[in-house]
Amino acid sequence: MKKISIITSKKYLKSKQYDSLIEILNSKDIEYEILNIDENLDKKITNSNLIISVGGDGTALRAMKIAWLSNLPVLNIGSGRIGYLVNSLNDIDFNKILKDKNVDNIKKRTPIIQNQDENLPAFNEIVIIKNSPTRILDIEIEVYDQNVKLRADGIIISTSLGSTAYNYSAGGPIVQTSIESIIITPISPFTKFPRSIVVDSSSELKINIPKKQHYSIQFDGVEEYLSDTKSDEKFNYKLSSRNLKVLEELDIPKLDLFLNQILR
């Protein structure tokens, strides 16, 4: 292991998890750099072998995007509130990770959903949502060569990893992360529409937004696209053939943690 990039925010620099991580790296003479995610960090990292994030799910998602762009493996360490994308520092075998010169040998993977632009990956979900609270959004969806018209506040296009996030809040199903799928869930539908549709990993969704509508598209909660359509707009979404390299499995064993929170 040559060098590690640690991605965190200022509020986590005084956390026990951060201090423990630095102590481990120093004890093993591992070179590292600290990158502050609060400084609009959104770039490729070219001089490291591994990215480690320290923080909550929000920090983890941003670190995962940077890891994706940099084609590097990532390890997410939780600090503070409960997170579903992060790992406990106590559960991580750093001896195995740090002595392995080829991190690819121990990587695990999680699927990514994306549009035509590989710079806009989503690990949880892509959300197309109206901008005006008093308007409704017309959406046309094509999947399996079938066309569906929907009127709703918006639509969530989720990975199985993101099934416990916004998808679940909107009434969508929980899907085990080992099942590579795309989940389509409407937000407050006005027309009759199944609560969700789950399609297989080979499917490509074709979304058409008719003209004269105001809406935005968010990738994992970050607004990346704002539209005031003067003509119909079309988007294609599918699971990427290039998966993110993750050192700890983001899988359904954390379902018990999730259920304990919502059933209290």
C-alpha atoms as a PDB file:
ATOM      1  CA  MET A   1       0.000   0.000   0.000  1.00  0.00           C
ATOM      2  CA  LYS A   2       1.688   3.215  -1.151  1.00  0.00           C
ATOM      3  CA  LYS A   3      -0.679   6.012  -0.228  1.00  0.00           C
ATOM      4  CA  ILE A   4      -4.214   6.537   1.086  1.00  0.00           C
ATOM      5  CA  SER A   5      -6.518   9.510   0.531  1.00  0.00           C
ATOM      6  CA  ILE A   6      -8.741  10.178   3.542  1.00  0.00           C
ATOM      7  CA  ILE A   7     -11.933  12.042   2.709  1.00  0.00           C
ATOM      8  CA  THR A   8     -13.800  13.638   5.589  1.00  0.00           C
ATOM      9  CA  SER A   9     -15.292  16.929   6.742  1.00  0.00           C
ATOM     10  CA  LYS A  10     -14.117  19.358   9.392  1.00  0.00           C
ATOM     11  CA  LYS A  11     -16.665  18.202  11.962  1.00  0.00           C
ATOM     12  CA  TYR A  12     -15.271  14.658  11.924  1.00  0.00           C
ATOM     13  CA  LEU A  13     -11.620  15.645  12.401  1.00  0.00           C
ATOM     14  CA  LYS A  14     -12.072  15.460  16.178  1.00  0.00           C
ATOM     15  CA  SER A  15     -13.952  12.160  16.180  1.00  0.00           C
ATOM     16  CA  LYS A  16     -12.613   9.041  17.881  1.00  0.00           C
ATOM     17  CA  GLN A  17     -12.883   7.126  14.628  1.00  0.00           C
ATOM     18  CA  TYR A  18     -10.696   9.638  12.793  1.00  0.00           C
ATOM     19  CA  ASP A  19      -8.096   9.681  15.577  1.00  0.00           C
ATOM     20  CA  SER A  20      -8.011   5.874  15.675  1.00  0.00           C
ATOM     21  CA  LEU A  21      -7.589   5.651  11.905  1.00  0.00           C
ATOM     22  CA  ILE A  22      -4.679   8.106  11.911  1.00  0.00           C
ATOM     23  CA  GLU A  23      -3.066   6.198  14.779  1.00  0.00           C
ATOM     24  CA  ILE A  24      -3.314   2.935  12.811  1.00  0.00           C
ATOM     25  CA  LEU A  25      -1.836   4.457   9.652  1.00  0.00           C
ATOM     26  CA  ASN A  26       1.014   6.131  11.551  1.00  0.00           C
ATOM     27  CA  SER A  27       1.855   2.911  13.376  1.00  0.00           C
ATOM     28  CA  LYS A  28       2.222   1.136  10.034  1.00  0.00           C
ATOM     29  CA  ASP A  29       4.143   3.971   8.325  1.00  0.00           C
ATOM     30  CA  ILE A  30       1.450   4.395   5.686  1.00  0.00           C
ATOM     31  CA  GLU A  31       1.565   7.664   3.755  1.00  0.00           C
ATOM     32  CA  TYR A  32      -1.771   9.492   3.619  1.00  0.00           C
ATOM     33  CA  GLU A  33      -3.361  12.794   2.690  1.00  0.00           C
ATOM     34  CA  ILE A  34      -6.423  14.487   4.208  1.00  0.00           C
ATOM     35  CA  LEU A  35      -9.023  15.851   1.790  1.00  0.00           C
ATOM     36  CA  ASN A  36     -11.764  18.127   3.128  1.00  0.00           C
ATOM     37  CA  ILE A  37     -15.059  17.269   1.478  1.00  0.00           C
ATOM     38  CA  ASP A  38     -16.487  20.651   2.538  1.00  0.00           C
ATOM     39  CA  GLU A  39     -14.259  22.350  -0.021  1.00  0.00           C
ATOM     40  CA  ASN A  40     -16.341  21.227  -3.016  1.00  0.00           C
ATOM     41  CA  LEU A  41     -14.096  18.239  -3.566  1.00  0.00           C
ATOM     42  CA  ASP A  42     -15.098  16.768  -6.898  1.00  0.00           C
ATOM     43  CA  LYS A  43     -12.055  15.587  -8.762  1.00  0.00           C
ATOM     44  CA  LYS A  44     -10.114  12.520  -9.760  1.00  0.00           C
ATOM     45  CA  ILE A  45      -7.457  11.285  -7.361  1.00  0.00           C
ATOM     46  CA  THR A  46      -4.414  10.014  -9.223  1.00  0.00           C
ATOM     47  CA  ASN A  47      -1.713   9.625  -6.580  1.00  0.00           C
ATOM     48  CA  SER A  48      -3.328   7.123  -4.182  1.00  0.00           C
ATOM     49  CA  ASN A  49      -4.118   3.418  -4.011  1.00  0.00           C
ATOM     50  CA  LEU A  50      -7.145   3.629  -1.756  1.00  0.00           C
ATOM     51  CA  ILE A  51      -9.791   6.118  -0.608  1.00  0.00           C
ATOM     52  CA  ILE A  52     -11.079   6.001   2.965  1.00  0.00           C
ATOM     53  CA  SER A  53     -14.018   8.149   4.041  1.00  0.00           C
ATOM     54  CA  VAL A  54     -14.755   9.062   7.656  1.00  0.00           C
ATOM     55  CA  GLY A  55     -18.241  10.352   8.408  1.00  0.00           C
ATOM     56  CA  GLY A  56     -21.859   9.481   7.744  1.00  0.00           C
ATOM     57  CA  ASP A  57     -23.733   8.269   4.682  1.00  0.00           C
ATOM     58  CA  GLY A  58     -23.513  11.681   2.996  1.00  0.00           C
ATOM     59  CA  THR A  59     -19.731  11.690   3.222  1.00  0.00           C
ATOM     60  CA  ALA A  60     -19.663   8.076   2.072  1.00  0.00           C
ATOM     61  CA  LEU A  61     -21.732   8.830  -1.035  1.00  0.00           C
ATOM     62  CA  ARG A  62     -19.466  11.693  -2.064  1.00  0.00           C
ATOM     63  CA  ALA A  63     -16.359   9.596  -1.452  1.00  0.00           C
ATOM     64  CA  MET A  64     -17.875   6.794  -3.522  1.00  0.00           C
ATOM     65  CA  LYS A  65     -18.387   9.193  -6.420  1.00  0.00           C
ATOM     66  CA  ILE A  66     -14.760  10.341  -6.234  1.00  0.00           C
ATOM     67  CA  ALA A  67     -13.622   6.708  -6.048  1.00  0.00           C
ATOM     68  CA  TRP A  68     -15.730   5.925  -9.109  1.00  0.00           C
ATOM     69  CA  LEU A  69     -14.265   8.811 -11.096  1.00  0.00           C
ATOM     70  CA  SER A  70     -10.753   7.858  -9.980  1.00  0.00           C
ATOM     71  CA  ASN A  71     -11.254   4.115 -10.538  1.00  0.00           C
ATOM     72  CA  LEU A  72     -10.030   3.448  -6.997  1.00  0.00           C
ATOM     73  CA  PRO A  73     -11.369   1.198  -4.234  1.00  0.00           C
ATOM     74  CA  VAL A  74     -13.098   2.849  -1.290  1.00  0.00           C
ATOM     75  CA  LEU A  75     -13.607   2.023   2.370  1.00  0.00           C
ATOM     76  CA  ASN A  76     -16.267   3.933   4.348  1.00  0.00           C
ATOM     77  CA  ILE A  77     -15.818   4.302   8.109  1.00  0.00           C
ATOM     78  CA  GLY A  78     -18.758   5.503  10.171  1.00  0.00           C
ATOM     79  CA  SER A  79     -18.556   8.357  12.644  1.00  0.00           C
ATOM     80  CA  GLY A  80     -21.421   9.909  14.568  1.00  0.00           C
ATOM     81  CA  ARG A  81     -24.980   8.960  13.741  1.00  0.00           C
ATOM     82  CA  ILE A  82     -26.078   5.563  12.440  1.00  0.00           C
ATOM     83  CA  GLY A  83     -25.280   5.002   8.771  1.00  0.00           C
ATOM     84  CA  TYR A  84     -26.157   2.258   6.337  1.00  0.00           C
ATOM     85  CA  LEU A  85     -23.274   2.770   3.899  1.00  0.00           C
ATOM     86  CA  VAL A  86     -20.496   2.856   6.474  1.00  0.00           C
ATOM     87  CA  ASN A  87     -18.589   0.303   8.526  1.00  0.00           C
ATOM     88  CA  SER A  88     -17.491   0.204  12.137  1.00  0.00           C
ATOM     89  CA  LEU A  89     -13.774   0.795  12.528  1.00  0.00           C
ATOM     90  CA  ASN A  90     -13.641  -2.151  14.940  1.00  0.00           C
ATOM     91  CA  ASP A  91     -14.913  -4.542  12.254  1.00  0.00           C
ATOM     92  CA  ILE A  92     -12.215  -3.715   9.700  1.00  0.00           C
ATOM     93  CA  ASP A  93      -9.150  -5.922   9.254  1.00  0.00           C
ATOM     94  CA  PHE A  94      -6.574  -3.231   8.524  1.00  0.00           C
ATOM     95  CA  ASN A  95      -3.717  -5.725   8.591  1.00  0.00           C
ATOM     96  CA  LYS A  96      -5.216  -7.458   5.577  1.00  0.00           C
ATOM     97  CA  ILE A  97      -5.998  -4.224   3.748  1.00  0.00           C
ATOM     98  CA  LEU A  98      -2.713  -2.434   4.357  1.00  0.00           C
ATOM     99  CA  LYS A  99      -0.374  -5.330   3.629  1.00  0.00           C
ATOM    100  CA  ASP A 100      -2.092  -6.152   0.336  1.00  0.00           C
ATOM    101  CA  LYS A 101      -0.162  -4.439  -2.435  1.00  0.00           C
ATOM    102  CA  ASN A 102      -2.896  -5.195  -4.933  1.00  0.00           C
ATOM    103  CA  VAL A 103      -6.123  -3.937  -3.374  1.00  0.00           C
ATOM    104  CA  ASP A 104      -8.093  -5.410  -6.269  1.00  0.00           C
ATOM    105  CA  ASN A 105      -7.578  -8.845  -4.723  1.00  0.00           C
ATOM    106  CA  ILE A 106      -9.853  -8.013  -1.798  1.00  0.00           C
ATOM    107  CA  LYS A 107     -12.387  -5.757  -3.417  1.00  0.00           C
ATOM    108  CA  LYS A 108     -16.113  -6.268  -3.414  1.00  0.00           C
ATOM    109  CA  ARG A 109     -18.522  -4.518  -5.695  1.00  0.00           C
ATOM    110  CA  THR A 110     -21.748  -2.580  -5.663  1.00  0.00           C
ATOM    111  CA  PRO A 111     -23.820  -1.653  -8.732  1.00  0.00           C
ATOM    112  CA  ILE A 112     -24.129   1.892 -10.047  1.00  0.00           C
ATOM    113  CA  ILE A 113     -26.929   3.419 -12.046  1.00  0.00           C
ATOM    114  CA  GLN A 114     -26.034   6.098 -14.555  1.00  0.00           C
ATOM    115  CA  ASN A 115     -27.189   7.989 -17.603  1.00  0.00           C
ATOM    116  CA  GLN A 116     -25.148   8.510 -20.744  1.00  0.00           C
ATOM    117  CA  ASP A 117     -22.692  10.676 -18.782  1.00  0.00           C
ATOM    118  CA  GLU A 118     -20.306   8.478 -16.775  1.00  0.00           C
ATOM    119  CA  ASN A 119     -19.436  11.485 -14.608  1.00  0.00           C
ATOM    120  CA  LEU A 120     -22.887  11.319 -13.011  1.00  0.00           C
ATOM    121  CA  PRO A 121     -23.133   7.988 -11.187  1.00  0.00           C
ATOM    122  CA  ALA A 122     -25.760   7.241  -8.546  1.00  0.00           C
ATOM    123  CA  PHE A 123     -25.212   4.603  -5.903  1.00  0.00           C
ATOM    124  CA  ASN A 124     -28.568   5.061  -4.143  1.00  0.00           C
ATOM    125  CA  GLU A 125     -30.931   6.694  -6.605  1.00  0.00           C
ATOM    126  CA  ILE A 126     -31.649   9.147  -9.365  1.00  0.00           C
ATOM    127  CA  VAL A 127     -34.682  11.334  -8.674  1.00  0.00           C
ATOM    128  CA  ILE A 128     -36.630  13.280 -11.273  1.00  0.00           C
ATOM    129  CA  ILE A 129     -38.891  15.689  -9.403  1.00  0.00           C
ATOM    130  CA  LYS A 130     -41.067  18.713 -10.121  1.00  0.00           C
ATOM    131  CA  ASN A 131     -39.907  22.168  -9.048  1.00  0.00           C
ATOM    132  CA  SER A 132     -43.307  23.706  -8.355  1.00  0.00           C
ATOM    133  CA  PRO A 133     -45.284  22.403  -5.349  1.00  0.00           C
ATOM    134  CA  THR A 134     -48.586  23.231  -7.082  1.00  0.00           C
ATOM    135  CA  ARG A 135     -47.843  21.483 -10.390  1.00  0.00           C
ATOM    136  CA  ILE A 136     -47.751  17.858 -11.442  1.00  0.00           C
ATOM    137  CA  LEU A 137     -45.125  16.235 -13.639  1.00  0.00           C
ATOM    138  CA  ASP A 138     -45.934  14.202 -16.746  1.00  0.00           C
ATOM    139  CA  ILE A 139     -43.424  11.401 -17.293  1.00  0.00           C
ATOM    140  CA  GLU A 140     -43.250   8.758 -20.002  1.00  0.00           C
ATOM    141  CA  ILE A 141     -41.329   5.569 -19.219  1.00  0.00           C
ATOM    142  CA  GLU A 142     -40.256   2.860 -21.636  1.00  0.00           C
ATOM    143  CA  VAL A 143     -39.025  -0.456 -20.234  1.00  0.00           C
ATOM    144  CA  TYR A 144     -39.125  -3.928 -21.798  1.00  0.00           C
ATOM    145  CA  ASP A 145     -40.426  -2.223 -24.967  1.00  0.00           C
ATOM    146  CA  GLN A 146     -43.526  -1.184 -23.020  1.00  0.00           C
ATOM    147  CA  ASN A 147     -44.575   2.456 -22.675  1.00  0.00           C
ATOM    148  CA  VAL A 148     -46.075   3.784 -19.463  1.00  0.00           C
ATOM    149  CA  LYS A 149     -47.385   7.291 -18.876  1.00  0.00           C
ATOM    150  CA  LEU A 150     -47.271   8.634 -15.359  1.00  0.00           C
ATOM    151  CA  ARG A 151     -48.505  11.785 -13.659  1.00  0.00           C
ATOM    152  CA  ALA A 152     -46.845  12.338 -10.297  1.00  0.00           C
ATOM    153  CA  ASP A 153     -44.654  14.646  -8.241  1.00  0.00           C
ATOM    154  CA  GLY A 154     -41.710  12.726  -9.618  1.00  0.00           C
ATOM    155  CA  ILE A 155     -40.048   9.360  -9.946  1.00  0.00           C
ATOM    156  CA  ILE A 156     -37.255   7.517  -8.131  1.00  0.00           C
ATOM    157  CA  ILE A 157     -34.900   5.254 -10.073  1.00  0.00           C
ATOM    158  CA  SER A 158     -33.098   3.263  -7.398  1.00  0.00           C
ATOM    159  CA  THR A 159     -30.409   0.619  -7.086  1.00  0.00           C
ATOM    160  CA  SER A 160     -30.904  -2.268  -4.683  1.00  0.00           C
ATOM    161  CA  LEU A 161     -28.385  -0.563  -2.394  1.00  0.00           C
ATOM    162  CA  GLY A 162     -30.607   2.526  -2.332  1.00  0.00           C
ATOM    163  CA  SER A 163     -33.802   0.584  -1.703  1.00  0.00           C
ATOM    164  CA  THR A 164     -33.733   1.513   2.006  1.00  0.00           C
ATOM    165  CA  ALA A 165     -33.329   5.235   1.235  1.00  0.00           C
ATOM    166  CA  TYR A 166     -35.760   7.558  -0.609  1.00  0.00           C
ATOM    167  CA  ASN A 167     -37.265   4.553  -2.395  1.00  0.00           C
ATOM    168  CA  TYR A 168     -38.427   3.090   0.920  1.00  0.00           C
ATOM    169  CA  SER A 169     -39.796   6.438   2.137  1.00  0.00           C
ATOM    170  CA  ALA A 170     -41.905   6.637  -1.029  1.00  0.00           C
ATOM    171  CA  GLY A 171     -43.387   3.186  -0.445  1.00  0.00           C
ATOM    172  CA  GLY A 172     -40.918   1.152  -2.486  1.00  0.00           C
ATOM    173  CA  PRO A 173     -39.659  -2.351  -1.620  1.00  0.00           C
ATOM    174  CA  ILE A 174     -36.472  -3.324   0.177  1.00  0.00           C
ATOM    175  CA  VAL A 175     -34.274  -5.331  -2.206  1.00  0.00           C
ATOM    176  CA  GLN A 176     -31.202  -7.309  -1.152  1.00  0.00           C
ATOM    177  CA  THR A 177     -28.069  -5.711  -2.563  1.00  0.00           C
ATOM    178  CA  SER A 178     -26.823  -8.982  -4.027  1.00  0.00           C
ATOM    179  CA  ILE A 179     -29.780  -8.783  -6.428  1.00  0.00           C
ATOM    180  CA  GLU A 180     -28.662  -6.391  -9.138  1.00  0.00           C
ATOM    181  CA  SER A 181     -31.813  -4.590 -10.181  1.00  0.00           C
ATOM    182  CA  ILE A 182     -33.373  -1.226 -10.904  1.00  0.00           C
ATOM    183  CA  ILE A 183     -36.369  -0.127  -8.849  1.00  0.00           C
ATOM    184  CA  ILE A 184     -38.821   2.385 -10.317  1.00  0.00           C
ATOM    185  CA  THR A 185     -40.963   4.092  -7.676  1.00  0.00           C
ATOM    186  CA  PRO A 186     -43.354   7.013  -8.264  1.00  0.00           C
ATOM    187  CA  ILE A 187     -43.540   9.963  -5.879  1.00  0.00           C
ATOM    188  CA  SER A 188     -47.174  10.767  -4.974  1.00  0.00           C
ATOM    189  CA  PRO A 189     -48.645   9.408  -8.228  1.00  0.00           C
ATOM    190  CA  PHE A 190     -51.870  10.952  -9.494  1.00  0.00           C
ATOM    191  CA  THR A 191     -52.529   8.295 -12.143  1.00  0.00           C
ATOM    192  CA  LYS A 192     -52.845   4.591 -11.412  1.00  0.00           C
ATOM    193  CA  PHE A 193     -49.370   3.128 -11.188  1.00  0.00           C
ATOM    194  CA  PRO A 194     -47.874   0.184  -9.276  1.00  0.00           C
ATOM    195  CA  ARG A 195     -46.189   1.271  -6.070  1.00  0.00           C
ATOM    196  CA  SER A 196     -42.952   0.110  -7.673  1.00  0.00           C
ATOM    197  CA  ILE A 197     -41.601  -1.845 -10.598  1.00  0.00           C
ATOM    198  CA  VAL A 198     -38.428  -3.915 -10.163  1.00  0.00           C
ATOM    199  CA  VAL A 199     -36.549  -4.735 -13.368  1.00  0.00           C
ATOM    200  CA  ASP A 200     -33.447  -6.835 -13.954  1.00  0.00           C
ATOM    201  CA  SER A 201     -29.912  -5.542 -14.307  1.00  0.00           C
ATOM    202  CA  SER A 202     -29.863  -5.776 -18.103  1.00  0.00           C
ATOM    203  CA  SER A 203     -32.787  -3.374 -18.484  1.00  0.00           C
ATOM    204  CA  GLU A 204     -32.439   0.111 -19.901  1.00  0.00           C
ATOM    205  CA  LEU A 205     -34.991   2.732 -18.912  1.00  0.00           C
ATOM    206  CA  LYS A 206     -35.948   5.374 -21.410  1.00  0.00           C
ATOM    207  CA  ILE A 207     -37.504   8.436 -19.785  1.00  0.00           C
ATOM    208  CA  ASN A 208     -39.251  11.157 -21.765  1.00  0.00           C
ATOM    209  CA  ILE A 209     -40.303  14.444 -20.145  1.00  0.00           C
ATOM    210  CA  PRO A 210     -42.797  16.338 -22.338  1.00  0.00           C
ATOM    211  CA  LYS A 211     -42.078  20.014 -22.947  1.00  0.00           C
ATOM    212  CA  LYS A 212     -43.142  23.029 -20.864  1.00  0.00           C
ATOM    213  CA  GLN A 213     -42.416  21.453 -17.494  1.00  0.00           C
ATOM    214  CA  HIS A 214     -40.169  22.594 -14.648  1.00  0.00           C
ATOM    215  CA  TYR A 215     -38.196  19.834 -12.944  1.00  0.00           C
ATOM    216  CA  SER A 216     -34.801  18.835 -11.604  1.00  0.00           C
ATOM    217  CA  ILE A 217     -32.766  15.639 -11.619  1.00  0.00           C
ATOM    218  CA  GLN A 218     -30.855  14.674  -8.487  1.00  0.00           C
ATOM    219  CA  PHE A 219     -28.095  12.088  -8.215  1.00  0.00           C
ATOM    220  CA  ASP A 220     -27.865  10.769  -4.636  1.00  0.00           C
ATOM    221  CA  GLY A 221     -29.471  13.944  -3.308  1.00  0.00           C
ATOM    222  CA  VAL A 222     -27.299  16.363  -5.270  1.00  0.00           C
ATOM    223  CA  GLU A 223     -29.042  18.449  -7.916  1.00  0.00           C
ATOM    224  CA  GLU A 224     -27.129  18.011 -11.151  1.00  0.00           C
ATOM    225  CA  TYR A 225     -29.694  19.105 -13.704  1.00  0.00           C
ATOM    226  CA  LEU A 226     -32.376  21.814 -13.734  1.00  0.00           C
ATOM    227  CA  SER A 227     -34.776  22.114 -16.635  1.00  0.00           C
ATOM    228  CA  ASP A 228     -37.450  24.422 -17.993  1.00  0.00           C
ATOM    229  CA  THR A 229     -38.248  22.391 -21.071  1.00  0.00           C
ATOM    230  CA  LYS A 230     -38.999  24.097 -24.359  1.00  0.00           C
ATOM    231  CA  SER A 231     -39.050  20.710 -26.063  1.00  0.00           C
ATOM    232  CA  ASP A 232     -39.347  17.072 -25.014  1.00  0.00           C
ATOM    233  CA  GLU A 233     -36.288  15.752 -23.172  1.00  0.00           C
ATOM    234  CA  LYS A 234     -35.159  12.143 -23.197  1.00  0.00           C
ATOM    235  CA  PHE A 235     -32.916  10.309 -20.734  1.00  0.00           C
ATOM    236  CA  ASN A 236     -31.616   6.746 -20.694  1.00  0.00           C
ATOM    237  CA  TYR A 237     -30.697   5.019 -17.440  1.00  0.00           C
ATOM    238  CA  LYS A 238     -29.104   1.625 -16.855  1.00  0.00           C
ATOM    239  CA  LEU A 239     -26.797  -0.206 -14.499  1.00  0.00           C
ATOM    240  CA  SER A 240     -23.203   0.476 -15.374  1.00  0.00           C
ATOM    241  CA  SER A 241     -20.955  -2.282 -16.653  1.00  0.00           C
ATOM    242  CA  ARG A 242     -18.206  -0.827 -14.435  1.00  0.00           C
ATOM    243  CA  ASN A 243     -18.849  -1.396 -10.757  1.00  0.00           C
ATOM    244  CA  LEU A 244     -17.494   0.521  -7.797  1.00  0.00           C
ATOM    245  CA  LYS A 245     -14.752  -1.261  -5.868  1.00  0.00           C
ATOM    246  CA  VAL A 246     -15.717  -1.451  -2.189  1.00  0.00           C
ATOM    247  CA  LEU A 247     -13.579  -3.067   0.502  1.00  0.00           C
ATOM    248  CA  GLU A 248     -16.460  -3.963   2.782  1.00  0.00           C
ATOM    249  CA  GLU A 249     -19.745  -5.432   1.605  1.00  0.00           C
ATOM    250  CA  LEU A 250     -22.678  -3.003   1.619  1.00  0.00           C
ATOM    251  CA  ASP A 251     -25.289  -5.677   2.056  1.00  0.00           C
ATOM    252  CA  ILE A 252     -28.515  -6.640   3.715  1.00  0.00           C
ATOM    253  CA  PRO A 253     -26.949  -7.800   7.036  1.00  0.00           C
ATOM    254  CA  LYS A 254     -27.532  -4.172   8.032  1.00  0.00           C
ATOM    255  CA  LEU A 255     -31.238  -4.784   7.466  1.00  0.00           C
ATOM    256  CA  ASP A 256     -31.629  -5.583  11.169  1.00  0.00           C
ATOM    257  CA  LEU A 257     -30.173  -2.157  11.989  1.00  0.00           C
ATOM    258  CA  PHE A 258     -32.550  -0.529   9.517  1.00  0.00           C
ATOM    259  CA  LEU A 259     -35.621  -2.369  10.826  1.00  0.00           C
ATOM    260  CA  ASN A 260     -34.729  -1.634  14.450  1.00  0.00           C
ATOM    261  CA  GLN A 261     -34.737   2.079  13.606  1.00  0.00           C
ATOM    262  CA  ILE A 262     -38.080   2.160  11.781  1.00  0.00           C
ATOM    263  CA  LEU A 263     -39.915  -0.200  14.155  1.00  0.00           C
ATOM    264  CA  ARG A 264     -39.098   1.646  17.370  1.00  0.00           C
END
